[in-house]
């Protein structure tokens, strides 16, 4: 593997793993999978504020980031939802993340902000669609 491509591959793997973990977190709350909402084994009640809405953002946003489709905006929304979770749910009980249980929220927030800043990269649906559009828009060679 060329050392030039290694950063692209590593950032793509980072995006995929963060998106997958976030989508699984949302699936647990939405569908009661993987231990369910807060380990209860059950799904969050439909429309319950903020848990159900956060789970929708986590599931859909995680899948979009995972696949690299609409990555920048999806990652920005995911980052904002985790900032909300940190400051509204965790921070009132203690200043530092290790004291208030907000480590996961803080890590997801900053990870998604990084993904929003750097974009989806070469190995994503965004890049594939962009390449496809540029091929379709290329002018046909003139015949003489």
C-alpha atoms as a PDB file:
ATOM      1  CA  UNK A   1       0.000   0.000   0.000  1.00  0.00           C
ATOM      2  CA  UNK A   2       1.239   3.423  -0.910  1.00  0.00           C
ATOM      3  CA  UNK A   3       1.980   5.637   2.129  1.00  0.00           C
ATOM      4  CA  UNK A   4       0.213   8.453   0.277  1.00  0.00           C
ATOM      5  CA  UNK A   5      -3.115   6.573   0.419  1.00  0.00           C
ATOM      6  CA  UNK A   6      -2.781   5.499   4.062  1.00  0.00           C
ATOM      7  CA  UNK A   7      -4.286   8.704   5.548  1.00  0.00           C
ATOM      8  CA  UNK A   8      -7.293   8.399   3.202  1.00  0.00           C
ATOM      9  CA  UNK A   9      -7.813   4.785   4.206  1.00  0.00           C
ATOM     10  CA  UNK A  10      -7.450   5.471   7.933  1.00  0.00           C
ATOM     11  CA  UNK A  11      -9.851   8.433   7.859  1.00  0.00           C
ATOM     12  CA  UNK A  12     -12.358   6.313   5.922  1.00  0.00           C
ATOM     13  CA  UNK A  13     -12.071   3.544   8.525  1.00  0.00           C
ATOM     14  CA  UNK A  14     -12.487   6.142  11.293  1.00  0.00           C
ATOM     15  CA  UNK A  15     -15.643   7.486   9.619  1.00  0.00           C
ATOM     16  CA  UNK A  16     -17.072   3.976   9.142  1.00  0.00           C
ATOM     17  CA  UNK A  17     -16.389   2.864  12.721  1.00  0.00           C
ATOM     18  CA  UNK A  18     -17.734   6.060  14.306  1.00  0.00           C
ATOM     19  CA  UNK A  19     -20.837   5.912  12.082  1.00  0.00           C
ATOM     20  CA  UNK A  20     -21.409   2.229  12.897  1.00  0.00           C
ATOM     21  CA  UNK A  21     -21.069   2.738  16.655  1.00  0.00           C
ATOM     22  CA  UNK A  22     -23.439   5.714  16.545  1.00  0.00           C
ATOM     23  CA  UNK A  23     -26.007   3.821  14.439  1.00  0.00           C
ATOM     24  CA  UNK A  24     -25.862   0.870  16.858  1.00  0.00           C
ATOM     25  CA  UNK A  25     -26.368   3.249  19.778  1.00  0.00           C
ATOM     26  CA  UNK A  26     -29.460   4.634  18.034  1.00  0.00           C
ATOM     27  CA  UNK A  27     -30.737   1.142  17.153  1.00  0.00           C
ATOM     28  CA  UNK A  28     -30.545   0.142  20.809  1.00  0.00           C
ATOM     29  CA  UNK A  29     -32.824   3.013  21.775  1.00  0.00           C
ATOM     30  CA  UNK A  30     -35.159   2.879  18.760  1.00  0.00           C
ATOM     31  CA  UNK A  31     -35.654  -0.871  18.467  1.00  0.00           C
ATOM     32  CA  UNK A  32     -34.659  -2.235  21.868  1.00  0.00           C
ATOM     33  CA  UNK A  33     -31.751  -4.098  20.250  1.00  0.00           C
ATOM     34  CA  UNK A  34     -28.327  -4.654  21.852  1.00  0.00           C
ATOM     35  CA  UNK A  35     -29.615  -4.227  25.387  1.00  0.00           C
ATOM     36  CA  UNK A  36     -32.247  -1.624  24.596  1.00  0.00           C
ATOM     37  CA  UNK A  37     -32.768   1.902  25.822  1.00  0.00           C
ATOM     38  CA  UNK A  38     -30.396   2.538  28.753  1.00  0.00           C
ATOM     39  CA  UNK A  39     -29.901  -1.217  29.153  1.00  0.00           C
ATOM     40  CA  UNK A  40     -33.590  -1.865  29.836  1.00  0.00           C
ATOM     41  CA  UNK A  41     -34.006  -4.284  26.925  1.00  0.00           C
ATOM     42  CA  UNK A  42     -36.880  -2.150  25.634  1.00  0.00           C
ATOM     43  CA  UNK A  43     -37.157   0.546  23.008  1.00  0.00           C
ATOM     44  CA  UNK A  44     -37.743   4.174  23.903  1.00  0.00           C
ATOM     45  CA  UNK A  45     -41.353   5.279  23.686  1.00  0.00           C
ATOM     46  CA  UNK A  46     -42.123   6.767  20.260  1.00  0.00           C
ATOM     47  CA  UNK A  47     -41.975  10.547  20.398  1.00  0.00           C
ATOM     48  CA  UNK A  48     -40.460  10.685  23.906  1.00  0.00           C
ATOM     49  CA  UNK A  49     -38.341  13.821  24.281  1.00  0.00           C
ATOM     50  CA  UNK A  50     -35.377  13.792  23.934  1.00  0.00           C
ATOM     51  CA  UNK A  51     -34.497  10.085  23.854  1.00  0.00           C
ATOM     52  CA  UNK A  52     -36.559   8.994  20.846  1.00  0.00           C
ATOM     53  CA  UNK A  53     -35.543  12.004  18.715  1.00  0.00           C
ATOM     54  CA  UNK A  54     -31.889  11.574  19.693  1.00  0.00           C
ATOM     55  CA  UNK A  55     -32.119   7.900  18.708  1.00  0.00           C
ATOM     56  CA  UNK A  56     -33.472   8.806  15.269  1.00  0.00           C
ATOM     57  CA  UNK A  57     -30.554  11.203  14.755  1.00  0.00           C
ATOM     58  CA  UNK A  58     -28.137   8.558  16.011  1.00  0.00           C
ATOM     59  CA  UNK A  59     -29.487   5.778  13.810  1.00  0.00           C
ATOM     60  CA  UNK A  60     -30.045   7.710  10.580  1.00  0.00           C
ATOM     61  CA  UNK A  61     -27.046  10.017  11.031  1.00  0.00           C
ATOM     62  CA  UNK A  62     -24.801   7.097  11.920  1.00  0.00           C
ATOM     63  CA  UNK A  63     -25.836   5.204   8.783  1.00  0.00           C
ATOM     64  CA  UNK A  64     -25.301   8.282   6.596  1.00  0.00           C
ATOM     65  CA  UNK A  65     -21.837   8.869   8.049  1.00  0.00           C
ATOM     66  CA  UNK A  66     -21.024   5.159   7.825  1.00  0.00           C
ATOM     67  CA  UNK A  67     -21.819   5.056   4.105  1.00  0.00           C
ATOM     68  CA  UNK A  68     -20.406   8.493   3.409  1.00  0.00           C
ATOM     69  CA  UNK A  69     -23.643   9.919   2.011  1.00  0.00           C
ATOM     70  CA  UNK A  70     -24.417  13.534   2.886  1.00  0.00           C
ATOM     71  CA  UNK A  71     -21.543  13.165   5.293  1.00  0.00           C
ATOM     72  CA  UNK A  72     -20.732  16.750   6.210  1.00  0.00           C
ATOM     73  CA  UNK A  73     -24.270  17.800   7.111  1.00  0.00           C
ATOM     74  CA  UNK A  74     -25.090  14.462   8.785  1.00  0.00           C
ATOM     75  CA  UNK A  75     -21.898  14.642  10.866  1.00  0.00           C
ATOM     76  CA  UNK A  76     -22.628  18.240  11.839  1.00  0.00           C
ATOM     77  CA  UNK A  77     -26.141  17.302  13.021  1.00  0.00           C
ATOM     78  CA  UNK A  78     -24.742  14.300  14.924  1.00  0.00           C
ATOM     79  CA  UNK A  79     -22.089  16.502  16.532  1.00  0.00           C
ATOM     80  CA  UNK A  80     -24.704  19.046  17.575  1.00  0.00           C
ATOM     81  CA  UNK A  81     -26.931  16.372  19.068  1.00  0.00           C
ATOM     82  CA  UNK A  82     -24.041  15.099  21.172  1.00  0.00           C
ATOM     83  CA  UNK A  83     -23.149  18.633  22.276  1.00  0.00           C
ATOM     84  CA  UNK A  84     -26.782  19.013  23.373  1.00  0.00           C
ATOM     85  CA  UNK A  85     -26.610  15.688  25.212  1.00  0.00           C
ATOM     86  CA  UNK A  86     -23.422  16.712  26.971  1.00  0.00           C
ATOM     87  CA  UNK A  87     -24.500  20.167  28.083  1.00  0.00           C
ATOM     88  CA  UNK A  88     -28.143  19.378  28.910  1.00  0.00           C
ATOM     89  CA  UNK A  89     -27.922  15.839  30.301  1.00  0.00           C
ATOM     90  CA  UNK A  90     -24.379  15.373  31.605  1.00  0.00           C
ATOM     91  CA  UNK A  91     -22.768  18.723  32.428  1.00  0.00           C
ATOM     92  CA  UNK A  92     -25.317  19.811  35.061  1.00  0.00           C
ATOM     93  CA  UNK A  93     -24.234  16.881  37.271  1.00  0.00           C
ATOM     94  CA  UNK A  94     -20.519  17.717  37.116  1.00  0.00           C
ATOM     95  CA  UNK A  95     -18.037  19.848  35.201  1.00  0.00           C
ATOM     96  CA  UNK A  96     -15.724  17.167  33.816  1.00  0.00           C
ATOM     97  CA  UNK A  97     -16.808  14.278  31.557  1.00  0.00           C
ATOM     98  CA  UNK A  98     -15.297  11.628  33.820  1.00  0.00           C
ATOM     99  CA  UNK A  99     -17.353  13.007  36.721  1.00  0.00           C
ATOM    100  CA  UNK A 100     -20.684  13.343  34.899  1.00  0.00           C
ATOM    101  CA  UNK A 101     -20.722  10.272  32.615  1.00  0.00           C
ATOM    102  CA  UNK A 102     -20.418  12.382  29.483  1.00  0.00           C
ATOM    103  CA  UNK A 103     -17.257  10.846  27.986  1.00  0.00           C
ATOM    104  CA  UNK A 104     -19.153   9.122  25.176  1.00  0.00           C
ATOM    105  CA  UNK A 105     -21.115  12.269  24.322  1.00  0.00           C
ATOM    106  CA  UNK A 106     -17.936  14.362  24.260  1.00  0.00           C
ATOM    107  CA  UNK A 107     -16.044  11.835  22.121  1.00  0.00           C
ATOM    108  CA  UNK A 108     -18.894  11.480  19.624  1.00  0.00           C
ATOM    109  CA  UNK A 109     -19.348  15.267  19.488  1.00  0.00           C
ATOM    110  CA  UNK A 110     -15.708  15.955  18.638  1.00  0.00           C
ATOM    111  CA  UNK A 111     -15.397  12.926  16.343  1.00  0.00           C
ATOM    112  CA  UNK A 112     -18.366  14.032  14.260  1.00  0.00           C
ATOM    113  CA  UNK A 113     -17.099  17.607  14.182  1.00  0.00           C
ATOM    114  CA  UNK A 114     -13.817  16.288  12.755  1.00  0.00           C
ATOM    115  CA  UNK A 115     -15.678  14.232  10.148  1.00  0.00           C
ATOM    116  CA  UNK A 116     -17.795  17.270   9.207  1.00  0.00           C
ATOM    117  CA  UNK A 117     -14.624  19.335   8.779  1.00  0.00           C
ATOM    118  CA  UNK A 118     -12.629  16.841   6.689  1.00  0.00           C
ATOM    119  CA  UNK A 119     -15.533  15.368   4.727  1.00  0.00           C
ATOM    120  CA  UNK A 120     -16.262  11.828   3.650  1.00  0.00           C
ATOM    121  CA  UNK A 121     -13.083  11.239   1.677  1.00  0.00           C
ATOM    122  CA  UNK A 122     -12.319   9.124  -1.348  1.00  0.00           C
ATOM    123  CA  UNK A 123     -13.947   5.925  -0.070  1.00  0.00           C
ATOM    124  CA  UNK A 124     -17.542   7.104   0.297  1.00  0.00           C
ATOM    125  CA  UNK A 125     -20.820   7.334  -1.560  1.00  0.00           C
ATOM    126  CA  UNK A 126     -20.366  11.122  -1.728  1.00  0.00           C
ATOM    127  CA  UNK A 127     -17.106  10.650  -3.662  1.00  0.00           C
ATOM    128  CA  UNK A 128     -18.619   7.964  -5.896  1.00  0.00           C
ATOM    129  CA  UNK A 129     -21.583  10.178  -6.782  1.00  0.00           C
ATOM    130  CA  UNK A 130     -19.277  13.136  -7.373  1.00  0.00           C
ATOM    131  CA  UNK A 131     -17.099  11.103  -9.761  1.00  0.00           C
ATOM    132  CA  UNK A 132     -20.192   9.830 -11.571  1.00  0.00           C
ATOM    133  CA  UNK A 133     -21.539  13.393 -11.965  1.00  0.00           C
ATOM    134  CA  UNK A 134     -18.227  14.687 -13.289  1.00  0.00           C
ATOM    135  CA  UNK A 135     -18.128  11.913 -15.914  1.00  0.00           C
ATOM    136  CA  UNK A 136     -21.688  12.701 -17.021  1.00  0.00           C
ATOM    137  CA  UNK A 137     -20.930  16.440 -17.242  1.00  0.00           C
ATOM    138  CA  UNK A 138     -17.713  16.005 -19.241  1.00  0.00           C
ATOM    139  CA  UNK A 139     -18.102  17.385 -22.778  1.00  0.00           C
ATOM    140  CA  UNK A 140     -18.144  14.933 -25.663  1.00  0.00           C
ATOM    141  CA  UNK A 141     -15.095  15.133 -27.940  1.00  0.00           C
ATOM    142  CA  UNK A 142     -15.775  16.960 -31.172  1.00  0.00           C
ATOM    143  CA  UNK A 143     -15.682  14.877 -34.367  1.00  0.00           C
ATOM    144  CA  UNK A 144     -13.896  16.276 -37.358  1.00  0.00           C
END
